[in-house]
Protein backbone atom coordinates (compact mmCIF):
# COMPACT_ATOMS: atom_id res chain seq x y z
CA UNK A 1 86.01 72.53 123.84
CA UNK A 2 82.85 74.52 124.65
CA UNK A 3 79.20 73.26 123.90
CA UNK A 4 77.38 74.70 120.78
CA UNK A 5 75.89 77.95 121.04
CA UNK A 6 72.81 76.53 120.90
CA UNK A 7 73.57 74.20 123.93
CA UNK A 8 74.86 77.06 126.00
CA UNK A 9 71.52 78.86 125.37
CA UNK A 10 69.72 76.09 127.02
CA UNK A 11 72.33 76.70 129.82
CA UNK A 12 71.52 80.42 130.08
CA UNK A 13 67.66 79.82 130.28
CA UNK A 14 67.92 77.79 133.56
CA UNK A 15 69.95 81.03 135.04
CA UNK A 16 67.66 83.52 133.85
CA UNK A 17 64.40 82.42 133.75
CA UNK A 18 62.62 85.56 132.03
CA UNK A 19 64.97 84.69 129.36
CA UNK A 20 63.48 81.78 128.58
CA UNK A 21 60.29 83.65 126.88
CA UNK A 22 62.85 86.01 124.94
CA UNK A 23 64.90 83.14 123.62
CA UNK A 24 61.56 81.14 122.16
CA UNK A 25 60.82 84.47 120.34
CA UNK A 26 61.03 84.29 116.67
CA UNK A 27 61.42 87.35 114.62
CA UNK A 28 58.89 87.43 111.73
CA UNK A 29 58.09 91.28 110.86
CA UNK A 30 61.03 93.28 112.63
CA UNK A 31 59.59 96.58 112.54
CA UNK A 32 56.65 95.90 114.59
CA UNK A 33 58.59 93.22 116.61
CA UNK A 34 61.45 95.37 117.69
CA UNK A 35 59.22 97.31 119.92
CA UNK A 36 58.44 93.86 121.81
CA UNK A 37 62.31 92.56 121.74
CA UNK A 38 63.12 96.13 123.22
CA UNK A 39 60.60 95.32 126.24
CA UNK A 40 61.69 92.10 126.71
CA UNK A 41 65.11 93.19 126.90
CA UNK A 42 64.65 95.90 129.17
CA UNK A 43 63.41 93.43 131.84
CA UNK A 44 66.51 91.87 132.11
CA UNK A 45 69.37 93.23 134.38
CA UNK A 46 72.25 95.12 132.91
CA UNK A 47 74.33 92.50 134.88
CA UNK A 48 72.79 89.58 132.95
CA UNK A 49 73.19 91.21 129.77
CA UNK A 50 77.12 91.78 130.53
CA UNK A 51 77.71 88.23 132.06
CA UNK A 52 79.67 85.85 130.02
CA UNK A 53 79.38 82.12 130.16
CA UNK A 54 82.34 79.63 130.06
CA UNK A 55 83.13 80.49 126.45
CA UNK A 56 82.87 84.06 127.33
CA UNK A 57 79.36 84.72 125.42
CA UNK A 58 77.02 87.08 126.31
CA UNK A 59 73.57 86.73 125.45
CA UNK A 60 74.20 89.03 122.38
CA UNK A 61 76.75 86.63 121.28
CA UNK A 62 73.91 84.10 121.08
CA UNK A 63 71.15 86.14 119.89
CA UNK A 64 73.13 86.92 116.64
CA UNK A 65 74.37 83.44 116.22
CA UNK A 66 70.77 82.35 116.00
CA UNK A 67 69.39 85.25 113.57
CA UNK A 68 67.54 86.51 115.91
CA UNK A 69 67.69 90.03 114.79
CA UNK A 70 65.24 92.15 116.78
CA UNK A 71 66.46 90.58 120.28
CA UNK A 72 69.96 91.42 118.67
CA UNK A 73 69.30 95.14 117.90
CA UNK A 74 67.95 95.71 121.45
CA UNK A 75 70.56 94.03 123.41
CA UNK A 76 72.90 95.67 121.26
CA UNK A 77 71.19 99.12 122.39
CA UNK A 78 71.75 98.49 125.75
CA UNK A 79 75.53 97.15 125.39
CA UNK A 80 76.09 100.33 123.35
CA UNK A 81 75.26 102.83 125.57
CA UNK A 82 77.28 101.16 128.50
CA UNK A 83 80.21 101.06 126.15
CA UNK A 84 80.32 96.89 126.04
CA UNK A 85 78.81 96.41 122.29
CA UNK A 86 82.20 94.88 121.00
CA UNK A 87 82.67 92.57 124.13
CA UNK A 88 84.78 89.48 123.01
CA UNK A 89 84.32 85.69 123.59
CA UNK A 90 86.87 82.82 124.21
CA UNK A 91 88.26 83.19 120.70
CA UNK A 92 88.18 86.77 120.30
CA UNK A 93 85.03 87.48 118.70
CA UNK A 94 82.92 90.58 119.27
CA UNK A 95 79.12 90.25 118.30
CA UNK A 96 80.05 91.66 114.91
CA UNK A 97 82.32 88.81 114.29
CA UNK A 98 79.97 86.23 115.13
CA UNK A 99 77.32 87.74 113.29
CA UNK A 100 79.63 87.66 110.06
CA UNK A 101 80.68 84.00 110.97
CA UNK A 102 76.98 83.00 110.84
CA UNK A 103 76.19 84.61 107.90
CA UNK A 104 73.78 87.16 109.21
CA UNK A 105 74.16 89.94 107.00
CA UNK A 106 71.27 91.93 108.36
CA UNK A 107 72.53 91.84 111.84
CA UNK A 108 75.99 92.79 110.73
CA UNK A 109 74.24 95.72 108.98
CA UNK A 110 72.49 96.68 112.41
CA UNK A 111 75.61 96.34 114.39
CA UNK A 112 77.84 98.35 112.57
CA UNK A 113 74.90 101.09 112.43
CA UNK A 114 74.71 100.92 116.12
CA UNK A 115 78.43 101.88 116.15
CA UNK A 116 79.85 98.19 116.46
CA UNK A 117 83.93 98.22 115.66
CA UNK A 118 83.56 97.31 112.34
CA UNK A 119 87.83 96.99 112.35
CA UNK A 120 87.70 94.50 115.28
CA UNK A 121 89.63 91.50 114.92
CA UNK A 122 89.49 88.05 116.71
CA UNK A 123 92.46 86.22 118.12
CA UNK A 124 93.57 85.10 114.68
CA UNK A 125 93.53 88.74 113.41
CA UNK A 126 90.57 88.44 111.25
CA UNK A 127 88.08 91.32 110.67
CA UNK A 128 84.66 91.21 109.51
CA UNK A 129 85.72 91.34 106.05
CA UNK A 130 88.70 88.51 106.15
CA UNK A 131 85.60 86.25 107.91
CA UNK A 132 83.54 87.00 104.80
CA UNK A 133 85.78 86.50 102.36
CA UNK A 134 87.23 82.98 104.06
CA UNK A 135 83.79 81.41 104.09
CA UNK A 136 82.60 83.08 100.78
CA UNK A 137 80.02 85.16 102.30
CA UNK A 138 79.09 88.45 99.71
CA UNK A 139 76.46 89.48 101.66
CA UNK A 140 78.24 90.08 104.67
CA UNK A 141 80.72 91.98 102.89
CA UNK A 142 77.87 93.87 101.03
CA UNK A 143 75.96 94.70 104.41
CA UNK A 144 79.36 96.78 105.56
CA UNK A 145 79.39 97.87 102.09
CA UNK A 146 76.26 99.45 102.70
CA UNK A 147 76.78 101.30 106.14
CA UNK A 148 79.19 103.43 104.40
CA UNK A 149 81.34 102.93 107.57
CA UNK A 150 85.33 103.56 107.23
CA UNK A 151 86.61 100.07 106.84
CA UNK A 152 90.50 99.09 106.44
CA UNK A 153 89.96 96.90 103.47
CA UNK A 154 93.74 96.24 103.98
CA UNK A 155 93.92 94.88 107.41
CA UNK A 156 96.13 92.02 107.80
CA UNK A 157 95.27 88.94 109.68
CA UNK A 158 97.93 87.29 112.01
CA UNK A 159 99.05 85.38 108.89
CA UNK A 160 99.85 88.62 107.18
CA UNK A 161 97.07 88.42 104.22
CA UNK A 162 94.32 90.94 103.65
CA UNK A 163 90.60 90.26 102.99
CA UNK A 164 91.23 90.08 99.28
CA UNK A 165 94.22 87.53 99.56
CA UNK A 166 91.83 85.21 101.99
CA UNK A 167 89.12 85.32 99.48
CA UNK A 168 91.59 84.33 96.59
CA UNK A 169 93.08 81.41 99.13
CA UNK A 170 89.44 80.18 99.52
CA UNK A 171 88.51 80.43 95.77
CA UNK A 172 91.77 78.41 95.04
CA UNK A 173 90.74 75.74 97.15
CA UNK A 174 87.31 75.56 96.60
CA UNK A 175 88.51 75.31 92.30
CA UNK A 176 90.41 72.33 93.10
CA UNK A 177 88.09 70.39 94.96
CA UNK A 178 84.87 71.54 92.76
CA UNK A 179 82.63 68.92 91.47
CA UNK A 180 79.40 69.39 89.23
CA UNK A 181 77.29 69.71 92.48
CA UNK A 182 75.17 72.86 92.69
CA UNK A 183 76.63 73.52 95.94
CA UNK A 184 80.01 73.60 94.98
CA UNK A 185 79.36 75.95 91.81
CA UNK A 186 77.59 78.16 93.90
CA UNK A 187 80.14 78.56 96.51
CA UNK A 188 82.80 79.25 93.65
CA UNK A 189 80.67 82.15 92.71
CA UNK A 190 79.90 83.46 95.91
CA UNK A 191 83.76 83.70 96.44
CA UNK A 192 84.32 85.45 93.11
CA UNK A 193 81.27 87.80 94.05
CA UNK A 194 83.53 88.25 97.33
CA UNK A 195 86.49 89.28 95.57
CA UNK A 196 84.73 91.69 93.47
CA UNK A 197 82.95 93.07 96.50
CA UNK A 198 86.10 93.58 97.99
CA UNK A 199 87.73 95.35 95.26
CA UNK A 200 84.79 97.75 94.97
CA UNK A 201 85.67 98.77 98.10
CA UNK A 202 89.27 99.39 97.27
CA UNK A 203 91.25 96.89 97.82
CA UNK A 204 94.17 96.89 96.15
CA UNK A 205 94.95 94.15 93.78
CA UNK A 206 98.83 94.40 93.76
CA UNK A 207 98.76 94.09 97.55
CA UNK A 208 101.79 91.15 98.67
CA UNK A 209 101.21 88.84 101.63
CA UNK A 210 103.56 89.30 104.30
CA UNK A 211 105.18 85.82 104.51
CA UNK A 212 105.96 85.23 100.85
CA UNK A 213 105.27 88.96 99.22
CA UNK A 214 103.06 86.88 96.83
CA UNK A 215 100.16 88.88 95.02
CA UNK A 216 96.74 87.46 94.38
CA UNK A 217 97.80 86.45 90.55
CA UNK A 218 100.75 84.60 92.46
CA UNK A 219 98.49 82.85 94.54
CA UNK A 220 96.29 82.28 91.66
CA UNK A 221 99.04 81.19 88.99
CA UNK A 222 100.88 78.99 91.79
CA UNK A 223 96.96 76.96 92.63
CA UNK A 224 96.99 76.82 88.29
CA UNK A 225 93.09 78.46 88.68
CA UNK A 226 92.81 79.39 85.22
CA UNK A 227 89.71 81.04 85.58
CA UNK A 228 90.94 83.15 88.49
CA UNK A 229 93.92 84.16 86.84
CA UNK A 230 91.25 85.22 83.18
CA UNK A 231 89.69 87.34 85.61
CA UNK A 232 92.56 89.16 87.58
CA UNK A 233 94.42 89.83 84.00
CA UNK A 234 91.27 91.62 83.24
CA UNK A 235 91.11 94.00 86.13
CA UNK A 236 90.97 97.54 84.72
CA UNK A 237 93.41 100.11 85.82
CA UNK A 238 96.82 101.37 84.35
CA UNK A 239 99.29 99.49 86.62
CA UNK A 240 98.48 95.98 85.29
CA UNK A 241 101.82 96.10 83.62
CA UNK A 242 103.63 96.11 86.73
CA UNK A 243 100.83 94.28 88.77
CA UNK A 244 101.68 91.04 86.35
CA UNK A 245 105.52 91.27 86.56
CA UNK A 246 105.47 91.96 90.63
CA UNK A 247 107.66 89.31 92.42
CA UNK A 248 107.46 87.24 95.49
CA UNK A 249 110.80 86.80 96.78
CA UNK A 250 112.06 86.97 93.15
CA UNK A 251 109.80 85.04 91.09
CA UNK A 252 107.19 86.57 88.82
CA UNK A 253 103.88 85.03 88.26
CA UNK A 254 105.47 83.77 84.80
CA UNK A 255 107.85 82.07 87.04
CA UNK A 256 105.46 80.07 89.15
CA UNK A 257 103.50 79.24 85.87
CA UNK A 258 106.57 77.66 84.23
CA UNK A 259 106.87 75.74 87.60
CA UNK A 260 103.23 74.04 86.94
CA UNK A 261 104.77 71.15 85.67
CA UNK A 262 102.41 69.10 83.36
CA UNK A 263 99.47 70.63 84.64
CA UNK A 264 96.93 70.67 81.74
CA UNK A 265 96.45 74.43 82.57
CA UNK A 266 100.10 75.34 82.27
CA UNK A 267 100.08 76.33 78.89
CA UNK A 268 97.06 78.39 78.60
CA UNK A 269 98.24 80.28 82.06
CA UNK A 270 101.71 80.81 80.43
CA UNK A 271 100.09 82.29 77.33
CA UNK A 272 97.52 84.36 79.11
CA UNK A 273 100.62 85.94 81.25
CA UNK A 274 102.71 86.43 77.86
CA UNK A 275 99.88 88.17 76.55
CA UNK A 276 99.13 90.38 79.30
CA UNK A 277 102.94 91.85 79.66
CA UNK A 278 104.77 89.15 81.26
CA UNK A 279 108.30 89.14 80.95
CA UNK A 280 110.01 86.40 80.13
CA UNK A 281 113.43 87.74 80.41
CA UNK A 282 112.68 88.45 84.17
CA UNK A 283 115.33 86.50 86.52
CA UNK A 284 114.52 85.23 90.12
CA UNK A 285 117.65 85.45 92.81
CA UNK A 286 118.31 82.26 91.56
CA UNK A 287 119.96 83.97 88.15
CA UNK A 288 116.85 81.81 86.40
CA UNK A 289 114.16 83.36 83.75
CA UNK A 290 110.58 81.49 83.63
CA UNK A 291 112.34 79.19 80.85
CA UNK A 292 114.76 77.71 83.27
CA UNK A 293 112.25 75.98 85.52
CA UNK A 294 110.38 74.29 82.56
CA UNK A 295 110.95 70.41 83.04
CA UNK A 296 111.62 67.91 80.09
CA UNK A 297 109.16 66.45 77.60
CA UNK A 298 107.36 67.64 74.33
CA UNK A 299 104.76 69.95 76.19
CA UNK A 300 107.55 71.33 77.79
CA UNK A 301 109.69 71.83 74.59
CA UNK A 302 106.57 73.87 73.22
CA UNK A 303 106.94 76.31 76.13
CA UNK A 304 110.76 76.68 76.00
CA UNK A 305 110.04 77.76 72.49
CA UNK A 306 107.00 79.93 73.27
CA UNK A 307 109.08 81.87 75.77
CA UNK A 308 112.20 82.14 73.75
CA UNK A 309 110.39 83.63 70.85
CA UNK A 310 108.69 86.32 73.22
CA UNK A 311 111.61 87.40 75.01
CA UNK A 312 113.66 87.88 71.44
CA UNK A 313 110.85 89.11 69.56
CA UNK A 314 110.98 92.22 67.69
CA UNK A 315 109.35 95.02 68.92
CA UNK A 316 108.37 93.53 72.34
CA UNK A 317 108.68 95.97 75.34
CA UNK A 318 108.13 94.94 78.90
CA UNK A 319 107.84 96.72 81.96
CA UNK A 320 110.34 96.79 84.42
CA UNK A 321 110.77 94.02 87.25
CA UNK A 322 109.64 94.56 90.38
CA UNK A 323 111.12 93.34 93.62
């Protein structure tokens, strides 16, 4: 396990005496300080800028992790000019990905505008959008949006997840562990903002993750994440009717809702799905309809009656089920 980037900064200071002054530098007024930063960086041999420590970090990786924006910009200019702006450390992260993980949104924007590969992946297949989505960092996603770069919003990490899937998975986890602390609520809000920003970037809400073919609606229903289910069912577009009936390994979101045995939000989620064109007659590979997945008990009996009434009600038209 390598040392922290702060610890390795001290190590590099001892290697490069000229860097001591540079790393002690704290930017205040970025435009005026950039000239000073450029002068300091130009006094460092290019070989020192390119040198990587035992964890693969260059000085640029360390600068961006600490939020030293002028130094990061000046170092990035030099690495760009020698074709090394996307050099990777031991976890496969480029300086851009380190900046994203550190929530250094202004540096993210700088690096993209300087030519950093906005679609670069680390050793887990995570792009800058995956990192912003996973950690609930809307400002990172917004920084990418502001550059106008051609970012692949449908990129898959090595788990088969798009950034939008990652944001929903993270929102589910935060929702299930939330408490009344302001920090917990703030994190949930940030994750929802990430979902909204990714949709603004053009993320396909019908996209299915590769391992189990789940959409973001399947994921939210499976986690009984009622607020997120409500949000997703209000997404605009003519394809919502198809969206709600997409199958994940043969199961619709309504099948998954029927399997939320005894959960306090089960009835609300079932009703929401039915009110948004979920098809109660859809069958999974075991030839089961959602009603067949209910458990026993008074609450389940109420849902059984509801599903059967909707299935046979006059005038109800459901879109075809999608595999």
